[in-house]
């Protein structure tokens, strides 16, 4: 029973990350539908932002 609680708590701790990543994927996909070059720029901005976020203390 404790293992189920542990799995549930882990999922609940990371659910906002899932929604953020899903939203970024949707934005990038929509940008690629508009223009390929704009999509590449969108990926660059997203990767830069994720890299910056991960380097914060």
N, C-alpha and C. Protein backbone atom coordinates (compact mmCIF):
# COMPACT_ATOMS: atom_id res chain seq x y z
N UNK A 1 0.82 -1.20 0.00
CA UNK A 1 0.00 0.00 0.00
C UNK A 1 0.87 1.26 0.00
N UNK A 2 1.98 1.21 0.72
CA UNK A 2 2.87 2.37 0.80
C UNK A 2 3.48 2.67 -0.55
N UNK A 3 3.72 1.62 -1.35
CA UNK A 3 4.30 1.82 -2.67
C UNK A 3 3.33 2.57 -3.58
N UNK A 4 2.03 2.27 -3.49
CA UNK A 4 1.02 2.99 -4.27
C UNK A 4 1.00 4.47 -3.89
N UNK A 5 1.07 4.74 -2.61
CA UNK A 5 1.09 6.13 -2.14
C UNK A 5 2.32 6.86 -2.65
N UNK A 6 3.47 6.16 -2.66
CA UNK A 6 4.70 6.75 -3.12
C UNK A 6 4.61 7.09 -4.62
N UNK A 7 4.06 6.18 -5.42
CA UNK A 7 3.90 6.41 -6.85
C UNK A 7 2.93 7.56 -7.10
N UNK A 8 1.83 7.56 -6.37
CA UNK A 8 0.83 8.63 -6.52
C UNK A 8 1.45 9.99 -6.16
N UNK A 9 2.20 10.05 -5.07
CA UNK A 9 2.83 11.30 -4.65
C UNK A 9 3.86 11.78 -5.67
N UNK A 10 4.61 10.85 -6.25
CA UNK A 10 5.60 11.21 -7.28
C UNK A 10 4.91 11.80 -8.50
N UNK A 11 3.83 11.19 -8.92
CA UNK A 11 3.09 11.70 -10.08
C UNK A 11 2.53 13.08 -9.77
N UNK A 12 1.95 13.26 -8.61
CA UNK A 12 1.38 14.55 -8.24
C UNK A 12 2.45 15.64 -8.10
N UNK A 13 3.65 15.27 -7.71
CA UNK A 13 4.73 16.24 -7.60
C UNK A 13 5.20 16.74 -8.96
N UNK A 14 5.02 15.94 -10.01
CA UNK A 14 5.55 16.29 -11.32
C UNK A 14 4.46 16.59 -12.36
N UNK A 15 3.22 16.69 -11.95
CA UNK A 15 2.14 16.90 -12.91
C UNK A 15 2.24 18.27 -13.58
N UNK A 16 2.70 19.30 -12.87
CA UNK A 16 2.82 20.62 -13.50
C UNK A 16 3.90 20.62 -14.57
N UNK A 17 4.96 19.84 -14.36
CA UNK A 17 6.01 19.73 -15.38
C UNK A 17 5.44 19.10 -16.66
N UNK A 18 4.60 18.10 -16.49
CA UNK A 18 3.97 17.45 -17.64
C UNK A 18 3.13 18.44 -18.44
N UNK A 19 2.35 19.27 -17.75
CA UNK A 19 1.51 20.24 -18.44
C UNK A 19 2.34 21.32 -19.12
N UNK A 20 3.42 21.75 -18.48
CA UNK A 20 4.28 22.76 -19.08
C UNK A 20 4.92 22.22 -20.35
N UNK A 21 5.46 21.01 -20.29
CA UNK A 21 6.09 20.41 -21.47
C UNK A 21 5.06 20.16 -22.57
N UNK A 22 3.86 19.74 -22.21
CA UNK A 22 2.80 19.53 -23.21
C UNK A 22 2.44 20.84 -23.90
N UNK A 23 2.36 21.91 -23.13
CA UNK A 23 2.06 23.21 -23.71
C UNK A 23 3.15 23.69 -24.65
N UNK A 24 4.41 23.49 -24.26
CA UNK A 24 5.52 23.87 -25.14
C UNK A 24 5.50 23.08 -26.43
N UNK A 25 5.19 21.80 -26.35
CA UNK A 25 5.10 20.97 -27.56
C UNK A 25 3.99 21.47 -28.47
N UNK A 26 2.86 21.84 -27.91
CA UNK A 26 1.75 22.36 -28.71
C UNK A 26 2.14 23.68 -29.39
N UNK A 27 2.84 24.56 -28.67
CA UNK A 27 3.26 25.84 -29.25
C UNK A 27 4.24 25.60 -30.39
N UNK A 28 5.20 24.71 -30.18
CA UNK A 28 6.18 24.42 -31.23
C UNK A 28 5.51 23.78 -32.44
N UNK A 29 4.59 22.86 -32.23
CA UNK A 29 3.90 22.22 -33.35
C UNK A 29 3.09 23.24 -34.16
N UNK A 30 2.41 24.14 -33.47
CA UNK A 30 1.64 25.17 -34.16
C UNK A 30 2.56 26.11 -34.94
N UNK A 31 3.73 26.43 -34.38
CA UNK A 31 4.67 27.30 -35.06
C UNK A 31 5.23 26.63 -36.30
N UNK A 32 5.51 25.32 -36.23
CA UNK A 32 5.96 24.60 -37.41
C UNK A 32 4.90 24.58 -38.51
N UNK A 33 3.63 24.57 -38.11
CA UNK A 33 2.56 24.60 -39.11
C UNK A 33 2.52 25.94 -39.84
N UNK A 34 2.93 27.00 -39.16
CA UNK A 34 2.97 28.32 -39.79
C UNK A 34 4.16 28.41 -40.74
N UNK A 35 5.37 28.05 -40.23
CA UNK A 35 6.57 28.20 -41.02
C UNK A 35 7.67 27.36 -40.37
N UNK A 36 8.47 26.69 -41.19
CA UNK A 36 9.54 25.84 -40.66
C UNK A 36 10.61 26.65 -39.94
N UNK A 37 11.02 27.75 -40.52
CA UNK A 37 12.07 28.58 -39.90
C UNK A 37 11.57 29.13 -38.57
N UNK A 38 10.34 29.56 -38.51
CA UNK A 38 9.78 30.05 -37.25
C UNK A 38 9.73 28.92 -36.22
N UNK A 39 9.45 27.71 -36.65
CA UNK A 39 9.44 26.56 -35.75
C UNK A 39 10.81 26.27 -35.17
N UNK A 40 11.84 26.40 -36.00
CA UNK A 40 13.20 26.19 -35.52
C UNK A 40 13.56 27.26 -34.50
N UNK A 41 13.17 28.51 -34.76
CA UNK A 41 13.40 29.57 -33.78
C UNK A 41 12.65 29.28 -32.48
N UNK A 42 11.44 28.77 -32.59
CA UNK A 42 10.66 28.46 -31.38
C UNK A 42 11.34 27.37 -30.56
N UNK A 43 11.87 26.34 -31.23
CA UNK A 43 12.59 25.29 -30.52
C UNK A 43 13.82 25.87 -29.83
N UNK A 44 14.54 26.75 -30.54
CA UNK A 44 15.72 27.38 -29.95
C UNK A 44 15.39 28.17 -28.70
N UNK A 45 14.30 28.93 -28.76
CA UNK A 45 13.90 29.73 -27.60
C UNK A 45 13.50 28.82 -26.44
N UNK A 46 12.77 27.78 -26.73
CA UNK A 46 12.33 26.86 -25.67
C UNK A 46 13.54 26.16 -25.04
N UNK A 47 14.46 25.66 -25.86
CA UNK A 47 15.64 24.99 -25.32
C UNK A 47 16.51 25.95 -24.51
N UNK A 48 16.63 27.19 -24.99
CA UNK A 48 17.37 28.20 -24.24
C UNK A 48 16.71 28.45 -22.89
N UNK A 49 15.40 28.58 -22.89
CA UNK A 49 14.67 28.82 -21.64
C UNK A 49 14.80 27.66 -20.67
N UNK A 50 14.71 26.44 -21.17
CA UNK A 50 14.86 25.27 -20.30
C UNK A 50 16.27 25.21 -19.74
N UNK A 51 17.27 25.48 -20.58
CA UNK A 51 18.64 25.49 -20.12
C UNK A 51 18.87 26.54 -19.05
N UNK A 52 18.30 27.70 -19.24
CA UNK A 52 18.44 28.79 -18.28
C UNK A 52 17.77 28.41 -16.95
N UNK A 53 16.58 27.83 -17.06
CA UNK A 53 15.84 27.42 -15.86
C UNK A 53 16.62 26.37 -15.07
N UNK A 54 17.24 25.43 -15.77
CA UNK A 54 17.97 24.36 -15.09
C UNK A 54 19.26 24.85 -14.44
N UNK A 55 19.81 25.97 -14.90
CA UNK A 55 21.04 26.48 -14.30
C UNK A 55 20.78 27.38 -13.09
N UNK A 56 19.54 27.74 -12.84
CA UNK A 56 19.23 28.57 -11.68
C UNK A 56 19.45 27.77 -10.41
N UNK A 57 19.91 28.42 -9.36
CA UNK A 57 20.17 27.67 -8.10
C UNK A 57 18.91 27.18 -7.43
